[in-house]
Each structure stands twice: as C-alpha cells, then as structure tokens.
C-alpha cells in the first residue's frame, strides 16, 4: 500500500511540475516558432513529449486505480474517489481538448488552435495541481510531524 502511494505521489508531482512548465513556458512559446517551421516543430514536439509524459501518466493512472482497491491506511473513499475524479478530468481533457488541437497543429499552423491549446490546458493544470494538494494533505495526515 505504501509503495502504491509513493508511486502515485512521485508520478503525480512529476506531472504537476511538468504541466506548470508546459502551461507557463512551453505552450506560449509555440507562437514564436514561426509558420514556416511550425508543423515540423509540432510533430517533433508530439513525438518527444510522448516519451516524457506517457510513462508517468500511465504510472499515475495505474496507481490511482490500484489505490481504489488497496487504499493505504487512513485514506478514505473521499480521498480515493476525489483523486480518481481529478485524474478523469485530466484524461478527458487530454483526449477531447488537447490531443485534437495538437493533431491540427501537426498538419498546419492555426493561431486559433494554438490559443485554444493554451487556454484549455488550464483544465489539466488545475486538475493535476489539485491532485498534488490532495496527496499532500493525505501525506501530512499520515506523517503529521512534518
């Protein structure tokens, strides 16, 4: 149970840090690439990002599901299901909002889709941040001396 929680904690905070970097630095800089090289840049971005994001998103999802069945001591259903709900928001947002915009941007530069990507990504940024806060609350309940 502790291992599941630690894996979830690490994978979630990895994603929290990454999503804030993407939201504040990376996505806004897409506009600076220029039309001529944008689609090539976007295609490379998608490929490389999948190697950085994929394993941690899958680890986080697997541990979130596992914790539903094997929660650590003191992690009640409110923590567990709130975490599931927030992760659901992240995955639905990714599948329905960000991925389609990335696909358009991989084929052509579109200021509207780029703007939509930056704005819609706030959903994931807030959901992952809330997951991180939720896990910290649990951590400090388990280890109150910290």
N, C-alpha and C. Protein backbone atom coordinates (compact mmCIF):
# COMPACT_ATOMS: atom_id res chain seq x y z
N UNK A 1 0.81 -1.18 0.00
CA UNK A 1 0.00 0.00 0.00
C UNK A 1 0.86 1.26 0.00
N UNK A 2 1.92 1.25 0.80
CA UNK A 2 2.81 2.42 0.83
C UNK A 2 3.49 2.62 -0.51
N UNK A 3 3.88 1.52 -1.14
CA UNK A 3 4.54 1.60 -2.44
C UNK A 3 3.61 2.22 -3.48
N UNK A 4 2.36 1.79 -3.47
CA UNK A 4 1.38 2.38 -4.39
C UNK A 4 1.26 3.88 -4.17
N UNK A 5 1.14 4.26 -2.90
CA UNK A 5 1.01 5.68 -2.59
C UNK A 5 2.25 6.45 -3.04
N UNK A 6 3.43 5.92 -2.75
CA UNK A 6 4.66 6.63 -3.13
C UNK A 6 4.79 6.74 -4.65
N UNK A 7 4.43 5.68 -5.37
CA UNK A 7 4.45 5.76 -6.83
C UNK A 7 3.46 6.81 -7.35
N UNK A 8 2.29 6.84 -6.71
CA UNK A 8 1.31 7.84 -7.11
C UNK A 8 1.81 9.25 -6.79
N UNK A 9 2.36 9.42 -5.62
CA UNK A 9 2.89 10.72 -5.21
C UNK A 9 3.96 11.20 -6.19
N UNK A 10 4.91 10.35 -6.49
CA UNK A 10 6.01 10.72 -7.40
C UNK A 10 5.48 11.01 -8.80
N UNK A 11 4.65 10.14 -9.33
CA UNK A 11 4.15 10.35 -10.69
C UNK A 11 3.26 11.58 -10.78
N UNK A 12 2.45 11.82 -9.76
CA UNK A 12 1.58 13.00 -9.77
C UNK A 12 2.41 14.28 -9.69
N UNK A 13 3.39 14.31 -8.79
CA UNK A 13 4.18 15.54 -8.67
C UNK A 13 5.11 15.75 -9.87
N UNK A 14 5.53 14.69 -10.51
CA UNK A 14 6.24 14.82 -11.77
C UNK A 14 5.35 15.55 -12.77
N UNK A 15 4.09 15.10 -12.86
CA UNK A 15 3.16 15.70 -13.81
C UNK A 15 2.75 17.12 -13.40
N UNK A 16 2.64 17.38 -12.11
CA UNK A 16 2.32 18.74 -11.66
C UNK A 16 3.41 19.70 -12.11
N UNK A 17 4.66 19.34 -11.86
CA UNK A 17 5.78 20.20 -12.28
C UNK A 17 5.83 20.36 -13.78
N UNK A 18 5.65 19.27 -14.48
CA UNK A 18 5.71 19.31 -15.94
C UNK A 18 4.57 20.15 -16.53
N UNK A 19 3.36 20.00 -16.01
CA UNK A 19 2.23 20.72 -16.59
C UNK A 19 2.35 22.22 -16.35
N UNK A 20 2.88 22.62 -15.20
CA UNK A 20 3.09 24.05 -14.97
C UNK A 20 4.16 24.61 -15.90
N UNK A 21 5.22 23.84 -16.14
CA UNK A 21 6.25 24.27 -17.11
C UNK A 21 5.64 24.41 -18.49
N UNK A 22 4.88 23.42 -18.90
CA UNK A 22 4.24 23.45 -20.22
C UNK A 22 3.29 24.65 -20.32
N UNK A 23 2.49 24.87 -19.28
CA UNK A 23 1.49 25.93 -19.32
C UNK A 23 2.10 27.33 -19.35
N UNK A 24 3.14 27.54 -18.55
CA UNK A 24 3.71 28.88 -18.41
C UNK A 24 4.82 29.16 -19.43
N UNK A 25 5.59 28.15 -19.79
CA UNK A 25 6.75 28.36 -20.65
C UNK A 25 6.55 27.77 -22.05
N UNK A 26 6.30 26.48 -22.10
CA UNK A 26 6.37 25.75 -23.36
C UNK A 26 5.27 26.11 -24.36
N UNK A 27 4.01 25.94 -23.99
CA UNK A 27 2.92 26.22 -24.93
C UNK A 27 2.92 27.68 -25.41
N UNK A 28 3.09 28.66 -24.54
CA UNK A 28 3.12 30.03 -25.04
C UNK A 28 4.25 30.29 -26.04
N UNK A 29 5.35 29.56 -25.92
CA UNK A 29 6.47 29.76 -26.84
C UNK A 29 6.22 29.16 -28.23
N UNK A 30 5.19 28.33 -28.36
CA UNK A 30 4.86 27.80 -29.68
C UNK A 30 4.65 28.93 -30.68
N UNK A 31 4.08 30.03 -30.23
CA UNK A 31 3.79 31.16 -31.11
C UNK A 31 5.06 31.79 -31.68
N UNK A 32 6.20 31.51 -31.08
CA UNK A 32 7.46 32.10 -31.53
C UNK A 32 8.18 31.27 -32.58
N UNK A 33 7.68 30.08 -32.86
CA UNK A 33 8.36 29.17 -33.78
C UNK A 33 8.31 29.70 -35.22
N UNK A 34 7.21 30.29 -35.60
CA UNK A 34 7.04 30.80 -36.97
C UNK A 34 6.30 29.80 -37.83
N UNK A 35 5.54 30.32 -38.75
CA UNK A 35 4.69 29.48 -39.62
C UNK A 35 5.49 28.48 -40.45
N UNK A 36 6.60 28.91 -40.99
CA UNK A 36 7.36 28.07 -41.92
C UNK A 36 7.83 26.76 -41.28
N UNK A 37 8.19 26.79 -40.03
CA UNK A 37 8.75 25.61 -39.37
C UNK A 37 7.81 25.00 -38.34
N UNK A 38 6.62 25.58 -38.19
CA UNK A 38 5.75 25.19 -37.10
C UNK A 38 5.31 23.73 -37.15
N UNK A 39 4.84 23.25 -38.28
CA UNK A 39 4.32 21.86 -38.33
C UNK A 39 5.43 20.86 -38.02
N UNK A 40 6.62 21.10 -38.55
CA UNK A 40 7.74 20.21 -38.25
C UNK A 40 8.04 20.24 -36.75
N UNK A 41 8.08 21.44 -36.18
CA UNK A 41 8.32 21.58 -34.75
C UNK A 41 7.26 20.84 -33.94
N UNK A 42 6.00 21.02 -34.31
CA UNK A 42 4.90 20.38 -33.59
C UNK A 42 4.97 18.86 -33.69
N UNK A 43 5.32 18.34 -34.83
CA UNK A 43 5.43 16.88 -34.99
C UNK A 43 6.53 16.32 -34.09
N UNK A 44 7.66 16.99 -34.06
CA UNK A 44 8.76 16.55 -33.19
C UNK A 44 8.35 16.70 -31.72
N UNK A 45 7.68 17.79 -31.41
CA UNK A 45 7.20 18.01 -30.04
C UNK A 45 6.31 16.85 -29.59
N UNK A 46 5.36 16.46 -30.40
CA UNK A 46 4.44 15.37 -30.05
C UNK A 46 5.20 14.07 -29.80
N UNK A 47 6.13 13.75 -30.68
CA UNK A 47 6.89 12.51 -30.54
C UNK A 47 7.72 12.51 -29.25
N UNK A 48 8.47 13.56 -29.04
CA UNK A 48 9.34 13.60 -27.86
C UNK A 48 8.56 13.71 -26.56
N UNK A 49 7.47 14.46 -26.60
CA UNK A 49 6.66 14.62 -25.39
C UNK A 49 6.06 13.29 -24.95
N UNK A 50 5.68 12.46 -25.90
CA UNK A 50 5.07 11.18 -25.53
C UNK A 50 6.03 10.32 -24.70
N UNK A 51 7.33 10.42 -24.96
CA UNK A 51 8.30 9.65 -24.18
C UNK A 51 8.47 10.21 -22.77
N UNK A 52 8.27 11.50 -22.60
CA UNK A 52 8.42 12.15 -21.30
C UNK A 52 7.15 12.02 -20.47
N UNK A 53 6.00 12.11 -21.11
CA UNK A 53 4.71 12.14 -20.42
C UNK A 53 4.10 10.75 -20.26
N UNK A 54 4.16 9.96 -21.28
CA UNK A 54 3.46 8.67 -21.31
C UNK A 54 3.71 7.76 -20.12
N UNK A 55 4.96 7.44 -19.80
CA UNK A 55 5.19 6.52 -18.68
C UNK A 55 4.65 7.03 -17.35
N UNK A 56 4.79 8.33 -17.10
CA UNK A 56 4.31 8.87 -15.82
C UNK A 56 2.79 8.95 -15.78
N UNK A 57 2.16 9.30 -16.89
CA UNK A 57 0.69 9.32 -16.90
C UNK A 57 0.14 7.92 -16.68
N UNK A 58 0.77 6.92 -17.29
CA UNK A 58 0.32 5.54 -17.11
C UNK A 58 0.58 5.05 -15.69
N UNK A 59 1.72 5.41 -15.12
CA UNK A 59 2.02 5.05 -13.73
C UNK A 59 1.00 5.69 -12.79
N UNK A 60 0.71 6.95 -13.02
CA UNK A 60 -0.25 7.65 -12.18
C UNK A 60 -1.64 7.01 -12.31
N UNK A 61 -2.04 6.69 -13.52
CA UNK A 61 -3.36 6.07 -13.73
C UNK A 61 -3.43 4.70 -13.07
N UNK A 62 -2.39 3.90 -13.25
CA UNK A 62 -2.39 2.55 -12.68
C UNK A 62 -2.43 2.60 -11.15
N UNK A 63 -1.65 3.49 -10.55
CA UNK A 63 -1.64 3.56 -9.09
C UNK A 63 -2.95 4.14 -8.56
N UNK A 64 -3.55 5.04 -9.31
CA UNK A 64 -4.84 5.60 -8.89
C UNK A 64 -5.90 4.52 -8.85
N UNK A 65 -5.94 3.69 -9.88
CA UNK A 65 -6.91 2.59 -9.92
C UNK A 65 -6.58 1.57 -8.82
N UNK A 66 -5.32 1.26 -8.65
CA UNK A 66 -4.92 0.27 -7.64
C UNK A 66 -5.29 0.74 -6.23
N UNK A 67 -5.14 2.03 -5.97
CA UNK A 67 -5.44 2.55 -4.64
C UNK A 67 -6.94 2.49 -4.35
N UNK A 68 -7.77 2.47 -5.37
CA UNK A 68 -9.21 2.27 -5.14
C UNK A 68 -9.43 0.91 -4.49
N UNK A 69 -8.69 -0.08 -4.94
CA UNK A 69 -8.84 -1.44 -4.41
C UNK A 69 -8.01 -1.70 -3.17
N UNK A 70 -6.84 -1.07 -3.07
CA UNK A 70 -5.94 -1.28 -1.94
C UNK A 70 -5.49 0.06 -1.38
N UNK A 71 -6.40 0.79 -0.73
CA UNK A 71 -6.01 2.11 -0.22
C UNK A 71 -5.03 2.00 0.94
N UNK A 72 -4.11 2.94 1.03
CA UNK A 72 -3.20 2.95 2.17
C UNK A 72 -3.99 3.23 3.46
N UNK A 73 -3.43 2.91 4.60
CA UNK A 73 -4.13 3.14 5.88
C UNK A 73 -4.56 4.60 6.03
N UNK A 74 -5.80 4.79 6.37
CA UNK A 74 -6.32 6.13 6.62
C UNK A 74 -6.76 6.90 5.40
N UNK A 75 -6.55 6.34 4.22
CA UNK A 75 -7.01 7.03 3.01
C UNK A 75 -8.43 6.57 2.74
N UNK A 76 -9.36 7.39 3.11
CA UNK A 76 -10.76 7.04 2.96
C UNK A 76 -11.26 7.23 1.54
N UNK A 77 -12.52 6.87 1.32
CA UNK A 77 -13.10 6.95 -0.02
C UNK A 77 -13.18 8.37 -0.57
N UNK A 78 -13.25 9.37 0.30
CA UNK A 78 -13.29 10.75 -0.21
C UNK A 78 -11.98 11.08 -0.92
N UNK A 79 -10.85 10.76 -0.29
CA UNK A 79 -9.55 10.97 -0.92
C UNK A 79 -9.45 10.16 -2.21
N UNK A 80 -9.77 8.89 -2.09
CA UNK A 80 -9.61 7.97 -3.21
C UNK A 80 -10.42 8.42 -4.42
N UNK A 81 -11.70 8.67 -4.23
CA UNK A 81 -12.57 8.99 -5.36
C UNK A 81 -12.39 10.41 -5.85
N UNK A 82 -11.97 11.32 -4.99
CA UNK A 82 -11.64 12.67 -5.46
C UNK A 82 -10.43 12.60 -6.38
N UNK A 83 -9.44 11.78 -5.99
CA UNK A 83 -8.27 11.58 -6.85
C UNK A 83 -8.63 10.96 -8.18
N UNK A 84 -9.52 9.99 -8.16
CA UNK A 84 -9.98 9.35 -9.40
C UNK A 84 -10.68 10.39 -10.27
N UNK A 85 -11.57 11.18 -9.67
CA UNK A 85 -12.31 12.19 -10.43
C UNK A 85 -11.39 13.22 -11.07
N UNK A 86 -10.41 13.68 -10.32
CA UNK A 86 -9.46 14.66 -10.87
C UNK A 86 -8.64 14.06 -12.01
N UNK A 87 -8.23 12.81 -11.84
CA UNK A 87 -7.49 12.17 -12.93
C UNK A 87 -8.37 11.96 -14.16
N UNK A 88 -9.63 11.66 -13.93
CA UNK A 88 -10.59 11.53 -15.03
C UNK A 88 -10.67 12.86 -15.79
N UNK A 89 -10.72 13.97 -15.07
CA UNK A 89 -10.74 15.29 -15.71
C UNK A 89 -9.50 15.48 -16.58
N UNK A 90 -8.34 15.11 -16.05
CA UNK A 90 -7.09 15.24 -16.81
C UNK A 90 -7.15 14.43 -18.09
N UNK A 91 -7.54 13.17 -18.00
CA UNK A 91 -7.54 12.30 -19.16
C UNK A 91 -8.60 12.71 -20.19
N UNK A 92 -9.78 13.10 -19.73
CA UNK A 92 -10.83 13.54 -20.66
C UNK A 92 -10.40 14.84 -21.35
N UNK A 93 -9.84 15.75 -20.58
CA UNK A 93 -9.35 16.99 -21.17
C UNK A 93 -8.26 16.71 -22.20
N UNK A 94 -7.34 15.83 -21.86
CA UNK A 94 -6.27 15.47 -22.79
C UNK A 94 -6.85 14.90 -24.08
N UNK A 95 -7.74 13.93 -23.96
CA UNK A 95 -8.30 13.24 -25.13
C UNK A 95 -9.21 14.13 -25.96
N UNK A 96 -10.01 14.95 -25.30
CA UNK A 96 -11.04 15.72 -26.03
C UNK A 96 -10.64 17.14 -26.39
N UNK A 97 -9.69 17.71 -25.67
CA UNK A 97 -9.33 19.10 -25.92
C UNK A 97 -7.91 19.29 -26.44
N UNK A 98 -6.92 18.71 -25.75
CA UNK A 98 -5.54 18.97 -26.15
C UNK A 98 -5.09 18.12 -27.35
N UNK A 99 -5.35 16.82 -27.32
CA UNK A 99 -4.89 15.97 -28.43
C UNK A 99 -5.46 16.41 -29.78
N UNK A 100 -6.76 16.70 -29.89
CA UNK A 100 -7.26 17.17 -31.19
C UNK A 100 -6.58 18.45 -31.67
N UNK A 101 -6.30 19.35 -30.77
CA UNK A 101 -5.61 20.59 -31.16
C UNK A 101 -4.17 20.30 -31.59
N UNK A 102 -3.51 19.40 -30.89
CA UNK A 102 -2.16 19.02 -31.31
C UNK A 102 -2.18 18.40 -32.70
N UNK A 103 -3.18 17.59 -33.01
CA UNK A 103 -3.27 16.97 -34.34
C UNK A 103 -3.45 18.03 -35.43
N UNK A 104 -4.28 19.01 -35.18
CA UNK A 104 -4.45 20.09 -36.16
C UNK A 104 -3.13 20.83 -36.33
N UNK A 105 -2.49 21.15 -35.22
CA UNK A 105 -1.24 21.91 -35.29
C UNK A 105 -0.10 21.11 -35.92
N UNK A 106 -0.19 19.81 -35.90
CA UNK A 106 0.83 18.98 -36.56
C UNK A 106 0.67 19.01 -38.08
N UNK A 107 -0.51 19.39 -38.56
CA UNK A 107 -0.73 19.44 -40.00
C UNK A 107 -0.69 20.86 -40.57
N UNK A 108 -0.97 21.85 -39.71
CA UNK A 108 -0.94 23.25 -40.17
C UNK A 108 -0.89 24.17 -38.97
N UNK A 109 -0.29 25.33 -39.17
CA UNK A 109 -0.28 26.34 -38.12
C UNK A 109 -1.66 26.98 -38.05
N UNK A 110 -2.20 27.06 -36.84
CA UNK A 110 -3.51 27.67 -36.64
C UNK A 110 -3.49 28.47 -35.34
N UNK A 111 -3.47 29.80 -35.45
CA UNK A 111 -3.47 30.62 -34.24
C UNK A 111 -4.66 30.30 -33.32
N UNK A 112 -5.81 30.00 -33.91
CA UNK A 112 -7.00 29.69 -33.12
C UNK A 112 -6.78 28.40 -32.31
N UNK A 113 -6.23 27.35 -32.95
CA UNK A 113 -5.99 26.09 -32.25
C UNK A 113 -4.87 26.22 -31.21
N UNK A 114 -3.87 27.02 -31.52
CA UNK A 114 -2.79 27.25 -30.57
C UNK A 114 -3.33 27.98 -29.33
N UNK A 115 -4.12 29.02 -29.55
CA UNK A 115 -4.74 29.75 -28.44
C UNK A 115 -5.65 28.81 -27.63
N UNK A 116 -6.43 27.99 -28.33
CA UNK A 116 -7.30 27.02 -27.67
C UNK A 116 -6.52 26.01 -26.86
N UNK A 117 -5.35 25.60 -27.36
CA UNK A 117 -4.49 24.67 -26.63
C UNK A 117 -4.02 25.29 -25.31
N UNK A 118 -3.53 26.51 -25.37
CA UNK A 118 -3.03 27.18 -24.17
C UNK A 118 -4.15 27.39 -23.16
N UNK A 119 -5.31 27.83 -23.63
CA UNK A 119 -6.42 28.11 -22.71
C UNK A 119 -6.98 26.81 -22.13
N UNK A 120 -7.21 25.82 -22.97
CA UNK A 120 -7.80 24.57 -22.47
C UNK A 120 -6.85 23.80 -21.56
N UNK A 121 -5.57 24.03 -21.71
CA UNK A 121 -4.60 23.31 -20.87
C UNK A 121 -4.68 23.72 -19.40
N UNK A 122 -5.32 24.85 -19.11
CA UNK A 122 -5.52 25.25 -17.73
C UNK A 122 -6.35 24.21 -16.98
N UNK A 123 -7.23 23.52 -17.67
CA UNK A 123 -8.03 22.46 -17.04
C UNK A 123 -7.11 21.41 -16.44
N UNK A 124 -6.18 20.93 -17.26
CA UNK A 124 -5.24 19.91 -16.76
C UNK A 124 -4.33 20.48 -15.68
N UNK A 125 -3.89 21.71 -15.86
CA UNK A 125 -3.00 22.33 -14.88
C UNK A 125 -3.67 22.38 -13.51
N UNK A 126 -4.92 22.82 -13.47
CA UNK A 126 -5.62 22.91 -12.19
C UNK A 126 -5.96 21.53 -11.63
N UNK A 127 -6.36 20.60 -12.49
CA UNK A 127 -6.71 19.25 -12.00
C UNK A 127 -5.48 18.54 -11.43
N UNK A 128 -4.35 18.62 -12.12
CA UNK A 128 -3.14 17.98 -11.59
C UNK A 128 -2.66 18.66 -10.31
N UNK A 129 -2.77 19.97 -10.27
CA UNK A 129 -2.38 20.69 -9.06
C UNK A 129 -3.27 20.27 -7.89
N UNK A 130 -4.56 20.15 -8.13
CA UNK A 130 -5.49 19.71 -7.08
C UNK A 130 -5.15 18.29 -6.62
N UNK A 131 -4.78 17.41 -7.56
CA UNK A 131 -4.36 16.06 -7.17
C UNK A 131 -3.13 16.12 -6.27
N UNK A 132 -2.18 16.96 -6.63
CA UNK A 132 -0.98 17.10 -5.80
C UNK A 132 -1.31 17.59 -4.40
N UNK A 133 -2.18 18.57 -4.31
CA UNK A 133 -2.59 19.09 -3.00
C UNK A 133 -3.29 18.00 -2.19
N UNK A 134 -4.16 17.25 -2.86
CA UNK A 134 -4.88 16.15 -2.20
C UNK A 134 -3.89 15.13 -1.62
N UNK A 135 -2.89 14.77 -2.40
CA UNK A 135 -1.90 13.80 -1.93
C UNK A 135 -1.05 14.37 -0.79
N UNK A 136 -0.75 15.65 -0.84
CA UNK A 136 0.00 16.28 0.26
C UNK A 136 -0.83 16.29 1.54
N UNK A 137 -2.11 16.57 1.42
CA UNK A 137 -2.97 16.55 2.61
C UNK A 137 -2.93 15.16 3.25
N UNK A 138 -3.07 14.14 2.42
CA UNK A 138 -3.01 12.77 2.96
C UNK A 138 -1.64 12.50 3.58
N UNK A 139 -0.59 12.89 2.90
CA UNK A 139 0.77 12.67 3.40
C UNK A 139 0.97 13.32 4.77
N UNK A 140 0.50 14.55 4.94
CA UNK A 140 0.66 15.24 6.21
C UNK A 140 -0.26 14.68 7.29
N UNK A 141 -1.32 14.01 6.90
CA UNK A 141 -2.16 13.32 7.90
C UNK A 141 -1.47 12.06 8.40
N UNK A 142 -0.78 11.39 7.49
CA UNK A 142 -0.09 10.15 7.85
C UNK A 142 1.20 10.46 8.62
N UNK A 143 1.91 11.52 8.24
CA UNK A 143 3.14 11.93 8.90
C UNK A 143 2.99 13.34 9.45
N UNK A 144 2.20 13.53 10.49
CA UNK A 144 1.91 14.89 10.99
C UNK A 144 3.13 15.64 11.51
N UNK A 145 4.19 14.92 11.85
CA UNK A 145 5.37 15.59 12.38
C UNK A 145 6.09 16.43 11.33
N UNK A 146 5.76 16.25 10.06
CA UNK A 146 6.37 17.05 9.00
C UNK A 146 5.47 18.21 8.74
